[in-house]
N, C-alpha and C. Protein backbone atom coordinates (compact mmCIF):
# COMPACT_ATOMS: atom_id res chain seq x y z
N UNK A 1 19.94 60.69 51.94
CA UNK A 1 19.59 60.23 53.28
C UNK A 1 19.65 61.41 54.25
N UNK A 2 18.69 61.46 55.17
CA UNK A 2 18.58 62.55 56.11
C UNK A 2 18.85 62.04 57.53
N UNK A 3 19.68 62.77 58.25
CA UNK A 3 19.96 62.44 59.64
C UNK A 3 19.27 63.48 60.52
N UNK A 4 18.33 63.06 61.36
CA UNK A 4 17.62 63.99 62.22
C UNK A 4 18.41 64.22 63.49
N UNK A 5 18.57 65.50 63.84
CA UNK A 5 19.43 65.86 64.95
C UNK A 5 18.63 65.95 66.25
N UNK A 6 18.00 64.85 66.63
CA UNK A 6 17.13 64.86 67.80
C UNK A 6 17.94 65.05 69.08
N UNK A 7 19.14 64.48 69.14
CA UNK A 7 19.92 64.52 70.37
C UNK A 7 20.56 65.89 70.58
N UNK A 8 21.04 66.49 69.49
CA UNK A 8 21.75 67.75 69.63
C UNK A 8 20.85 68.96 69.44
N UNK A 9 19.74 68.79 68.72
CA UNK A 9 18.86 69.93 68.45
C UNK A 9 17.43 69.40 68.42
N UNK A 10 16.71 69.53 69.51
CA UNK A 10 15.38 68.96 69.64
C UNK A 10 14.36 69.75 68.82
N UNK A 11 13.17 69.15 68.63
CA UNK A 11 12.09 69.85 67.93
C UNK A 11 11.66 71.09 68.70
N UNK A 12 11.72 71.02 70.01
CA UNK A 12 11.36 72.20 70.81
C UNK A 12 12.32 73.34 70.51
N UNK A 13 13.61 73.06 70.46
CA UNK A 13 14.59 74.10 70.14
C UNK A 13 14.39 74.64 68.73
N UNK A 14 14.09 73.73 67.79
CA UNK A 14 13.88 74.15 66.41
C UNK A 14 12.65 75.05 66.30
N UNK A 15 11.55 74.66 66.94
CA UNK A 15 10.33 75.46 66.91
C UNK A 15 10.55 76.82 67.57
N UNK A 16 11.32 76.84 68.62
CA UNK A 16 11.60 78.11 69.30
C UNK A 16 12.43 79.03 68.39
N UNK A 17 13.39 78.45 67.66
CA UNK A 17 14.19 79.24 66.72
C UNK A 17 13.31 79.83 65.63
N UNK A 18 12.36 79.03 65.15
CA UNK A 18 11.42 79.53 64.14
C UNK A 18 10.57 80.66 64.70
N UNK A 19 10.07 80.48 65.90
CA UNK A 19 9.21 81.49 66.52
C UNK A 19 9.96 82.80 66.73
N UNK A 20 11.21 82.72 67.18
CA UNK A 20 12.02 83.93 67.38
C UNK A 20 12.22 84.67 66.07
N UNK A 21 12.50 83.95 64.99
CA UNK A 21 12.68 84.58 63.68
C UNK A 21 11.39 85.19 63.17
N UNK A 22 10.26 84.54 63.44
CA UNK A 22 8.96 85.09 63.04
C UNK A 22 8.68 86.40 63.76
N UNK A 23 9.01 86.47 65.05
CA UNK A 23 8.76 87.69 65.81
C UNK A 23 9.60 88.85 65.29
N UNK A 24 10.75 88.57 64.73
CA UNK A 24 11.60 89.63 64.18
C UNK A 24 10.95 90.27 62.96
N UNK A 25 10.01 89.56 62.34
CA UNK A 25 9.40 90.05 61.11
C UNK A 25 8.02 90.65 61.29
N UNK A 26 7.44 90.52 62.46
CA UNK A 26 6.09 91.06 62.59
C UNK A 26 5.57 91.06 64.01
N UNK A 27 4.28 91.33 64.11
CA UNK A 27 3.58 91.44 65.37
C UNK A 27 3.47 90.09 66.07
N UNK A 28 3.60 90.11 67.41
CA UNK A 28 3.47 88.88 68.18
C UNK A 28 2.07 88.27 68.00
N UNK A 29 1.05 89.12 67.84
CA UNK A 29 -0.32 88.61 67.67
C UNK A 29 -0.53 87.90 66.33
N UNK A 30 0.37 88.18 65.37
CA UNK A 30 0.25 87.55 64.06
C UNK A 30 0.65 86.08 64.12
N UNK A 31 1.57 85.75 65.00
CA UNK A 31 2.07 84.38 65.10
C UNK A 31 1.65 83.82 66.47
N UNK A 32 0.47 83.26 66.53
CA UNK A 32 -0.08 82.79 67.81
C UNK A 32 0.32 81.34 68.06
N UNK A 33 0.60 81.04 69.31
CA UNK A 33 0.96 79.68 69.72
C UNK A 33 -0.25 79.04 70.39
N UNK A 34 -0.58 77.82 69.98
CA UNK A 34 -1.72 77.10 70.55
C UNK A 34 -1.23 75.78 71.13
N UNK A 35 -2.06 75.17 72.00
CA UNK A 35 -1.74 73.84 72.52
C UNK A 35 -2.63 72.80 71.86
N UNK A 36 -2.45 71.56 72.23
CA UNK A 36 -3.16 70.45 71.58
C UNK A 36 -4.68 70.56 71.75
N UNK A 37 -5.15 71.11 72.86
CA UNK A 37 -6.59 71.22 73.10
C UNK A 37 -7.25 72.22 72.16
N UNK A 38 -6.49 73.15 71.60
CA UNK A 38 -7.03 74.15 70.69
C UNK A 38 -6.93 73.74 69.23
N UNK A 39 -6.26 72.64 68.95
CA UNK A 39 -5.96 72.27 67.57
C UNK A 39 -7.23 72.02 66.73
N UNK A 40 -8.14 71.19 67.21
CA UNK A 40 -9.33 70.85 66.42
C UNK A 40 -10.21 72.07 66.12
N UNK A 41 -10.51 72.93 67.10
CA UNK A 41 -11.30 74.13 66.76
C UNK A 41 -10.60 75.04 65.74
N UNK A 42 -9.29 75.16 65.85
CA UNK A 42 -8.54 75.99 64.91
C UNK A 42 -8.62 75.43 63.50
N UNK A 43 -8.56 74.10 63.38
CA UNK A 43 -8.58 73.47 62.06
C UNK A 43 -9.95 73.50 61.40
N UNK A 44 -10.97 74.00 62.08
CA UNK A 44 -12.29 74.16 61.47
C UNK A 44 -12.40 75.45 60.66
N UNK A 45 -11.44 76.33 60.81
CA UNK A 45 -11.49 77.62 60.13
C UNK A 45 -10.51 77.73 58.99
N UNK A 46 -10.30 78.98 58.52
CA UNK A 46 -9.37 79.27 57.43
C UNK A 46 -7.98 79.48 58.02
N UNK A 47 -7.41 78.40 58.53
CA UNK A 47 -6.17 78.48 59.29
C UNK A 47 -5.17 77.42 58.84
N UNK A 48 -3.90 77.73 59.06
CA UNK A 48 -2.80 76.81 58.83
C UNK A 48 -2.07 76.63 60.15
N UNK A 49 -1.79 75.38 60.51
CA UNK A 49 -1.11 75.10 61.77
C UNK A 49 0.25 74.47 61.47
N UNK A 50 1.30 75.05 62.06
CA UNK A 50 2.63 74.44 61.98
C UNK A 50 2.72 73.42 63.11
N UNK A 51 2.56 72.14 62.76
CA UNK A 51 2.60 71.09 63.78
C UNK A 51 4.02 70.82 64.27
N UNK A 52 4.95 70.80 63.34
CA UNK A 52 6.34 70.52 63.70
C UNK A 52 7.26 71.35 62.82
N UNK A 53 8.43 71.68 63.38
CA UNK A 53 9.50 72.29 62.61
C UNK A 53 10.78 71.56 63.00
N UNK A 54 11.42 70.94 62.02
CA UNK A 54 12.54 70.04 62.30
C UNK A 54 13.78 70.48 61.52
N UNK A 55 14.91 70.49 62.19
CA UNK A 55 16.19 70.73 61.54
C UNK A 55 16.89 69.39 61.36
N UNK A 56 17.25 69.08 60.13
CA UNK A 56 17.91 67.82 59.82
C UNK A 56 19.19 68.09 59.06
N UNK A 57 19.99 67.05 58.88
CA UNK A 57 21.27 67.20 58.20
C UNK A 57 21.36 66.17 57.09
N UNK A 58 21.73 66.63 55.90
CA UNK A 58 21.87 65.74 54.76
C UNK A 58 23.26 65.13 54.74
N UNK A 59 23.35 63.78 54.64
CA UNK A 59 24.64 63.12 54.56
C UNK A 59 25.37 63.47 53.26
N UNK A 60 24.61 63.58 52.17
CA UNK A 60 25.21 63.80 50.87
C UNK A 60 25.73 65.23 50.71
N UNK A 61 24.95 66.21 51.16
CA UNK A 61 25.32 67.60 50.96
C UNK A 61 26.01 68.21 52.19
N UNK A 62 25.97 67.52 53.31
CA UNK A 62 26.63 67.97 54.54
C UNK A 62 26.19 69.37 54.95
N UNK A 63 24.89 69.64 54.86
CA UNK A 63 24.36 70.91 55.33
C UNK A 63 22.97 70.71 55.90
N UNK A 64 22.53 71.66 56.71
CA UNK A 64 21.24 71.55 57.38
C UNK A 64 20.09 71.73 56.40
N UNK A 65 18.99 71.01 56.69
CA UNK A 65 17.73 71.17 55.98
C UNK A 65 16.65 71.50 57.00
N UNK A 66 15.65 72.26 56.58
CA UNK A 66 14.61 72.73 57.49
C UNK A 66 13.25 72.25 56.97
N UNK A 67 12.51 71.52 57.82
CA UNK A 67 11.24 70.95 57.40
C UNK A 67 10.07 71.53 58.20
N UNK A 68 9.04 71.90 57.45
CA UNK A 68 7.78 72.36 58.03
C UNK A 68 6.72 71.28 57.85
N UNK A 69 6.07 70.89 58.95
CA UNK A 69 4.96 69.96 58.92
C UNK A 69 3.68 70.75 59.19
N UNK A 70 2.81 70.85 58.19
CA UNK A 70 1.64 71.73 58.27
C UNK A 70 0.33 70.94 58.23
N UNK A 71 -0.66 71.45 58.97
CA UNK A 71 -2.04 70.98 58.87
C UNK A 71 -2.88 72.13 58.33
N UNK A 72 -3.79 71.80 57.41
CA UNK A 72 -4.55 72.81 56.69
C UNK A 72 -6.00 72.80 57.17
N UNK A 73 -6.49 73.97 57.55
CA UNK A 73 -7.84 74.09 58.08
C UNK A 73 -8.92 73.77 57.04
N UNK A 74 -10.14 73.48 57.55
CA UNK A 74 -11.24 73.02 56.69
C UNK A 74 -11.70 74.09 55.70
N UNK A 75 -11.56 75.38 56.05
CA UNK A 75 -12.04 76.44 55.18
C UNK A 75 -10.95 77.00 54.25
N UNK A 76 -9.74 76.48 54.37
CA UNK A 76 -8.66 76.89 53.46
C UNK A 76 -8.81 76.13 52.14
N UNK A 77 -8.54 76.81 51.04
CA UNK A 77 -8.68 76.19 49.73
C UNK A 77 -7.51 75.24 49.47
N UNK A 78 -7.84 74.08 48.89
CA UNK A 78 -6.81 73.09 48.61
C UNK A 78 -6.55 72.98 47.11
N UNK A 79 -5.33 73.16 46.67
CA UNK A 79 -5.01 72.95 45.26
C UNK A 79 -4.81 71.45 44.98
N UNK A 80 -4.71 71.10 43.71
CA UNK A 80 -4.47 69.71 43.35
C UNK A 80 -3.04 69.29 43.68
N UNK A 81 -2.12 70.25 43.61
CA UNK A 81 -0.73 70.00 43.97
C UNK A 81 -0.12 71.25 44.57
N UNK A 82 0.95 71.08 45.33
CA UNK A 82 1.62 72.22 45.95
C UNK A 82 3.02 72.33 45.38
N UNK A 83 3.27 73.44 44.71
CA UNK A 83 4.59 73.71 44.16
C UNK A 83 4.93 75.17 44.45
N UNK A 84 5.96 75.39 45.23
CA UNK A 84 6.35 76.75 45.58
C UNK A 84 7.04 77.41 44.40
N UNK A 85 6.95 78.74 44.29
CA UNK A 85 7.54 79.44 43.15
C UNK A 85 9.07 79.41 43.17
N UNK A 86 9.64 79.70 41.99
CA UNK A 86 11.09 79.75 41.87
C UNK A 86 11.65 81.04 42.45
N UNK A 87 12.89 80.99 42.87
CA UNK A 87 13.62 82.20 43.17
C UNK A 87 14.81 82.27 42.22
N UNK A 88 15.07 83.45 41.68
CA UNK A 88 16.12 83.65 40.69
C UNK A 88 17.11 84.67 41.23
N UNK A 89 18.38 84.33 41.19
CA UNK A 89 19.40 85.24 41.69
C UNK A 89 20.72 84.96 40.97
N UNK A 90 21.61 85.96 41.01
CA UNK A 90 22.94 85.82 40.41
C UNK A 90 23.93 85.37 41.47
N UNK A 91 24.72 84.38 41.13
CA UNK A 91 25.73 83.87 42.04
C UNK A 91 27.11 84.25 41.53
N UNK A 92 27.93 84.79 42.40
CA UNK A 92 29.24 85.27 42.02
C UNK A 92 30.31 84.28 42.45
N UNK A 93 31.17 83.93 41.49
CA UNK A 93 32.25 83.00 41.80
C UNK A 93 33.50 83.71 42.30
N UNK A 94 33.56 85.01 42.08
CA UNK A 94 34.73 85.76 42.53
C UNK A 94 35.47 86.37 41.35
N UNK A 95 36.47 87.18 41.65
CA UNK A 95 37.26 87.86 40.63
C UNK A 95 38.54 87.09 40.35
N UNK A 96 39.01 87.19 39.12
CA UNK A 96 40.28 86.58 38.74
C UNK A 96 41.12 87.63 38.03
N UNK A 97 42.38 87.72 38.39
CA UNK A 97 43.31 88.65 37.76
C UNK A 97 44.25 87.89 36.84
N UNK A 98 44.35 88.34 35.60
CA UNK A 98 45.21 87.71 34.62
C UNK A 98 46.39 88.63 34.37
N UNK A 99 47.58 88.20 34.75
CA UNK A 99 48.79 89.01 34.59
C UNK A 99 49.57 88.55 33.37
N UNK A 100 49.81 89.47 32.44
CA UNK A 100 50.56 89.16 31.22
C UNK A 100 51.71 90.15 31.10
N UNK A 101 52.93 89.67 30.96
CA UNK A 101 54.09 90.52 30.77
C UNK A 101 54.49 90.51 29.29
N UNK A 102 54.54 91.67 28.68
CA UNK A 102 54.87 91.80 27.26
C UNK A 102 56.13 92.63 27.13
N UNK A 103 57.09 92.17 26.32
CA UNK A 103 58.33 92.92 26.11
C UNK A 103 58.42 93.46 24.70
N UNK A 104 58.93 94.70 24.55
CA UNK A 104 59.17 95.30 23.24
C UNK A 104 60.68 95.37 23.05
N UNK A 105 61.21 94.74 22.00
CA UNK A 105 62.65 94.60 21.81
C UNK A 105 63.16 95.66 20.84
N UNK A 106 64.36 96.06 21.09
CA UNK A 106 65.01 97.06 20.23
C UNK A 106 65.41 96.41 18.91
N UNK A 107 65.58 97.20 17.85
CA UNK A 107 65.97 96.67 16.55
C UNK A 107 67.28 95.89 16.66
N UNK A 108 67.33 94.78 15.94
CA UNK A 108 68.55 93.99 15.94
C UNK A 108 68.61 92.97 17.03
N UNK A 109 67.62 92.91 17.89
CA UNK A 109 67.62 91.95 18.99
C UNK A 109 67.37 90.56 18.45
N UNK A 110 68.00 89.58 19.05
CA UNK A 110 67.79 88.19 18.66
C UNK A 110 66.44 87.66 19.14
N UNK A 111 65.75 88.38 20.01
CA UNK A 111 64.50 87.89 20.59
C UNK A 111 63.27 88.62 20.07
N UNK A 112 63.39 89.27 18.88
CA UNK A 112 62.29 90.07 18.37
C UNK A 112 61.07 89.22 18.06
N UNK A 113 61.27 88.10 17.29
CA UNK A 113 60.21 87.15 16.99
C UNK A 113 59.05 87.75 16.21
N UNK A 114 59.25 88.94 15.55
CA UNK A 114 58.22 89.53 14.68
C UNK A 114 56.88 89.66 15.38
N UNK A 115 56.89 90.20 16.58
CA UNK A 115 55.62 90.34 17.29
C UNK A 115 54.93 91.67 17.05
N UNK A 116 55.48 92.48 16.09
CA UNK A 116 54.85 93.75 15.71
C UNK A 116 54.62 94.66 16.92
N UNK A 117 55.65 94.70 17.76
CA UNK A 117 55.53 95.64 18.87
C UNK A 117 54.77 95.10 20.04
N UNK A 118 54.30 93.86 19.98
CA UNK A 118 53.57 93.27 21.12
C UNK A 118 52.27 93.98 21.43
N UNK A 119 51.48 94.36 20.40
CA UNK A 119 50.26 95.13 20.62
C UNK A 119 49.20 94.28 21.33
N UNK A 120 48.60 94.81 22.41
CA UNK A 120 47.54 94.13 23.15
C UNK A 120 46.34 95.06 23.28
N UNK A 121 45.12 94.53 23.19
CA UNK A 121 43.90 95.33 23.28
C UNK A 121 42.97 94.78 24.34
N UNK A 122 42.03 95.68 24.72
CA UNK A 122 40.93 95.29 25.64
C UNK A 122 41.42 94.85 27.00
N UNK A 123 42.47 95.41 27.53
CA UNK A 123 42.89 95.17 28.89
C UNK A 123 42.57 96.38 29.74
N UNK A 124 42.27 96.13 31.00
CA UNK A 124 41.82 97.22 31.87
C UNK A 124 42.95 98.10 32.34
N UNK A 125 44.16 97.57 32.38
CA UNK A 125 45.26 98.37 32.93
C UNK A 125 46.54 98.03 32.20
N UNK A 126 47.26 99.04 31.75
CA UNK A 126 48.56 98.83 31.10
C UNK A 126 49.56 99.76 31.76
N UNK A 127 50.61 99.20 32.28
CA UNK A 127 51.63 100.00 32.96
C UNK A 127 52.95 99.79 32.24
N UNK A 128 53.49 100.87 31.72
CA UNK A 128 54.77 100.80 31.04
C UNK A 128 55.86 101.37 31.97
N UNK A 129 56.94 100.68 32.02
CA UNK A 129 58.03 101.18 32.84
C UNK A 129 59.35 100.94 32.12
N UNK A 130 60.24 101.90 32.20
CA UNK A 130 61.54 101.84 31.56
C UNK A 130 62.46 100.99 32.40
N UNK A 131 63.24 100.11 31.76
CA UNK A 131 64.19 99.26 32.46
C UNK A 131 65.61 99.53 31.96
N UNK A 132 66.53 99.40 32.86
CA UNK A 132 67.94 99.52 32.52
C UNK A 132 68.60 98.17 32.70
N UNK A 133 69.40 97.80 31.76
CA UNK A 133 70.04 96.50 31.81
C UNK A 133 71.56 96.66 31.69
N UNK A 134 72.24 95.87 32.43
CA UNK A 134 73.69 95.79 32.34
C UNK A 134 74.06 94.32 32.24
N UNK A 135 74.41 93.85 31.08
CA UNK A 135 74.73 92.44 30.91
C UNK A 135 75.78 92.25 29.86
N UNK A 136 76.17 91.04 29.72
CA UNK A 136 77.20 90.69 28.76
C UNK A 136 76.65 89.65 27.79
N UNK A 137 76.68 89.98 26.48
CA UNK A 137 76.34 89.01 25.44
C UNK A 137 74.90 88.56 25.51
N UNK A 138 74.63 87.54 24.67
CA UNK A 138 73.32 86.94 24.68
C UNK A 138 72.25 87.78 24.01
N UNK A 139 72.62 88.79 23.24
CA UNK A 139 71.63 89.62 22.57
C UNK A 139 71.15 90.75 23.45
N UNK A 140 70.46 91.69 22.83
CA UNK A 140 69.99 92.86 23.55
C UNK A 140 68.68 92.55 24.26
N UNK A 141 68.57 92.80 25.57
CA UNK A 141 67.33 92.54 26.31
C UNK A 141 66.25 93.55 25.96
N UNK A 142 64.96 93.28 26.34
CA UNK A 142 63.88 94.24 26.04
C UNK A 142 64.11 95.55 26.76
N UNK A 143 63.76 96.63 26.06
CA UNK A 143 63.94 97.96 26.64
C UNK A 143 62.69 98.47 27.32
N UNK A 144 61.53 97.90 27.02
CA UNK A 144 60.27 98.34 27.62
C UNK A 144 59.50 97.10 28.08
N UNK A 145 58.97 97.14 29.33
CA UNK A 145 58.14 96.04 29.84
C UNK A 145 56.71 96.51 30.02
N UNK A 146 55.74 95.69 29.67
CA UNK A 146 54.33 96.03 29.83
C UNK A 146 53.67 95.00 30.73
N UNK A 147 53.04 95.46 31.82
CA UNK A 147 52.34 94.58 32.76
C UNK A 147 50.84 94.78 32.57
N UNK A 148 50.14 93.78 32.02
CA UNK A 148 48.72 93.88 31.70
C UNK A 148 47.93 93.05 32.70
N UNK A 149 47.00 93.69 33.43
CA UNK A 149 46.27 93.00 34.51
C UNK A 149 44.76 93.21 34.38
N UNK A 150 44.09 92.46 33.50
CA UNK A 150 42.63 92.58 33.43
C UNK A 150 41.97 91.87 34.60
N UNK A 151 40.81 92.37 35.04
CA UNK A 151 40.04 91.75 36.12
C UNK A 151 38.79 91.13 35.53
N UNK A 152 38.59 89.84 35.79
CA UNK A 152 37.47 89.11 35.21
C UNK A 152 36.49 88.73 36.32
N UNK A 153 35.22 89.06 36.15
CA UNK A 153 34.19 88.77 37.14
C UNK A 153 33.32 87.61 36.65
N UNK A 154 33.30 86.50 37.42
CA UNK A 154 32.53 85.33 37.03
C UNK A 154 31.21 85.30 37.79
N UNK A 155 30.09 85.42 37.10
CA UNK A 155 28.76 85.30 37.70
C UNK A 155 27.88 84.45 36.80
N UNK A 156 26.89 83.79 37.40
CA UNK A 156 25.92 83.04 36.62
C UNK A 156 24.57 83.09 37.33
N UNK A 157 23.52 82.92 36.58
CA UNK A 157 22.15 83.01 37.10
C UNK A 157 21.69 81.65 37.62
N UNK A 158 21.13 81.66 38.82
CA UNK A 158 20.64 80.45 39.46
C UNK A 158 19.11 80.52 39.54
N UNK A 159 18.47 79.46 39.14
CA UNK A 159 17.01 79.33 39.25
C UNK A 159 16.73 78.08 40.07
N UNK A 160 16.06 78.22 41.20
CA UNK A 160 15.75 77.07 42.03
C UNK A 160 14.45 77.32 42.79
N UNK A 161 13.80 76.24 43.18
CA UNK A 161 12.56 76.36 43.93
C UNK A 161 12.85 76.92 45.32
N UNK A 162 11.96 77.78 45.81
CA UNK A 162 12.15 78.34 47.14
C UNK A 162 11.97 77.30 48.22
N UNK A 163 11.30 76.20 47.90
CA UNK A 163 11.13 75.09 48.83
C UNK A 163 10.70 73.83 48.09
N UNK A 164 10.92 72.70 48.71
CA UNK A 164 10.61 71.41 48.08
C UNK A 164 9.44 70.75 48.80
N UNK A 165 8.47 70.28 48.04
CA UNK A 165 7.33 69.57 48.61
C UNK A 165 7.69 68.09 48.77
N UNK A 166 7.77 67.64 50.01
CA UNK A 166 8.09 66.24 50.28
C UNK A 166 6.84 65.37 50.34
N UNK A 167 5.75 65.94 50.85
CA UNK A 167 4.51 65.17 50.98
C UNK A 167 3.32 66.13 50.98
N UNK A 168 2.31 65.79 50.20
CA UNK A 168 1.07 66.56 50.20
C UNK A 168 -0.09 65.59 50.15
N UNK A 169 -0.87 65.55 51.21
CA UNK A 169 -2.01 64.64 51.32
C UNK A 169 -3.28 65.49 51.37
N UNK A 170 -3.98 65.55 50.25
CA UNK A 170 -5.17 66.39 50.16
C UNK A 170 -6.28 65.89 51.07
N UNK A 171 -6.41 64.57 51.17
CA UNK A 171 -7.46 63.99 52.02
C UNK A 171 -7.20 64.28 53.49
N UNK A 172 -5.95 64.12 53.92
CA UNK A 172 -5.59 64.37 55.31
C UNK A 172 -5.34 65.85 55.60
N UNK A 173 -5.33 66.64 54.53
CA UNK A 173 -5.07 68.08 54.63
C UNK A 173 -3.75 68.34 55.37
N UNK A 174 -2.72 67.68 54.91
CA UNK A 174 -1.40 67.82 55.52
C UNK A 174 -0.35 68.08 54.44
N UNK A 175 0.72 68.75 54.84
CA UNK A 175 1.77 69.14 53.89
C UNK A 175 3.11 69.15 54.62
N UNK A 176 4.14 68.61 53.94
CA UNK A 176 5.51 68.65 54.46
C UNK A 176 6.38 69.33 53.43
N UNK A 177 7.06 70.40 53.85
CA UNK A 177 7.94 71.17 52.97
C UNK A 177 9.36 71.15 53.52
N UNK A 178 10.33 71.22 52.61
CA UNK A 178 11.73 71.24 53.03
C UNK A 178 12.44 72.43 52.39
N UNK A 179 13.34 73.08 53.17
CA UNK A 179 14.00 74.30 52.73
C UNK A 179 15.49 74.23 53.04
N UNK A 180 16.24 75.11 52.36
CA UNK A 180 17.68 75.20 52.59
C UNK A 180 18.03 76.12 53.75
N UNK A 181 17.09 76.98 54.14
CA UNK A 181 17.35 77.92 55.24
C UNK A 181 16.06 78.21 55.99
N UNK A 182 16.19 78.68 57.22
CA UNK A 182 15.02 79.03 58.02
C UNK A 182 14.31 80.23 57.42
N UNK A 183 15.05 81.10 56.75
CA UNK A 183 14.44 82.29 56.13
C UNK A 183 13.59 81.90 54.93
N UNK A 184 14.02 80.89 54.16
CA UNK A 184 13.19 80.40 53.05
C UNK A 184 11.90 79.79 53.59
N UNK A 185 11.98 79.11 54.72
CA UNK A 185 10.79 78.52 55.33
C UNK A 185 9.79 79.59 55.74
N UNK A 186 10.28 80.66 56.35
CA UNK A 186 9.41 81.76 56.79
C UNK A 186 8.79 82.47 55.59
N UNK A 187 9.59 82.71 54.55
CA UNK A 187 9.05 83.37 53.35
C UNK A 187 7.93 82.55 52.72
N UNK A 188 8.04 81.23 52.78
CA UNK A 188 7.03 80.37 52.16
C UNK A 188 5.69 80.45 52.88
N UNK A 189 5.69 80.77 54.16
CA UNK A 189 4.43 80.84 54.92
C UNK A 189 3.48 81.90 54.37
N UNK A 190 4.03 82.91 53.70
CA UNK A 190 3.20 83.98 53.15
C UNK A 190 2.74 83.72 51.72
N UNK A 191 3.24 82.65 51.10
CA UNK A 191 2.88 82.39 49.69
C UNK A 191 2.34 80.98 49.52
N UNK A 192 1.82 80.38 50.58
CA UNK A 192 1.23 79.05 50.46
C UNK A 192 -0.03 79.11 49.58
N UNK A 193 -0.26 78.12 48.75
CA UNK A 193 -1.38 78.17 47.78
C UNK A 193 -2.71 77.73 48.37
N UNK A 194 -3.10 78.33 49.49
CA UNK A 194 -4.34 77.93 50.17
C UNK A 194 -5.34 79.08 50.26
N UNK A 195 -5.36 79.92 49.24
CA UNK A 195 -6.28 81.05 49.25
C UNK A 195 -5.63 82.26 49.90
N UNK A 196 -6.48 83.20 50.31
CA UNK A 196 -5.98 84.44 50.91
C UNK A 196 -6.53 84.60 52.33
N UNK A 197 -5.83 85.43 53.09
CA UNK A 197 -6.25 85.78 54.46
C UNK A 197 -6.33 84.58 55.40
N UNK A 198 -5.51 83.57 55.16
CA UNK A 198 -5.46 82.47 56.12
C UNK A 198 -4.57 82.88 57.30
N UNK A 199 -4.88 82.34 58.46
CA UNK A 199 -4.09 82.61 59.67
C UNK A 199 -3.14 81.44 59.93
N UNK A 200 -2.01 81.74 60.54
CA UNK A 200 -1.00 80.72 60.81
C UNK A 200 -0.80 80.60 62.31
N UNK A 201 -0.83 79.37 62.80
CA UNK A 201 -0.64 79.09 64.23
C UNK A 201 0.52 78.11 64.39
N UNK A 202 1.19 78.20 65.54
CA UNK A 202 2.24 77.26 65.87
C UNK A 202 1.74 76.37 67.00
N UNK A 203 1.88 75.05 66.82
CA UNK A 203 1.43 74.12 67.83
C UNK A 203 2.54 73.94 68.86
N UNK A 204 2.22 74.22 70.10
CA UNK A 204 3.22 74.14 71.17
C UNK A 204 3.51 72.68 71.51
């Protein structure tokens, strides 16, 4: 379920945020703003018009979603379906340190346990330090302590669509896309499957 943030974040504010981000990436003349009176003439050419840009919030995921509502010009090529390409990246879960203390016991100790010297391999760091003990009874304590601290890096590969197609009407020449970020939405404007050299306009 999607909750539209009309009261706290209007479509005007959302469109302005999109326009500001677009200007950071290129020439002002590349991203032209038109009004309703210019819409029909623009849609007669090889053009794409951003009719609406909406920021919504998902109840299930508790994060913002970004929707582009597009109109496709008469001279732009229409595919049978619209599916944006995948993006592949590595996601890092963080580092984990595993601390293991190993003791080497002197001959005759009651705590030897036949561990063959406590040999450990494939650890990134081994620090040996001499210890002195003063105690009474209970067997001889370990004479050498080993602190082993390997560092483990957890990463995995993520494959996901750069955007989701919510609605594509070939007859009406309209398209609704949804994204996880405003930057994904902007990146998609350059890889829309409507041929080459199409122009993009924002409807004021």
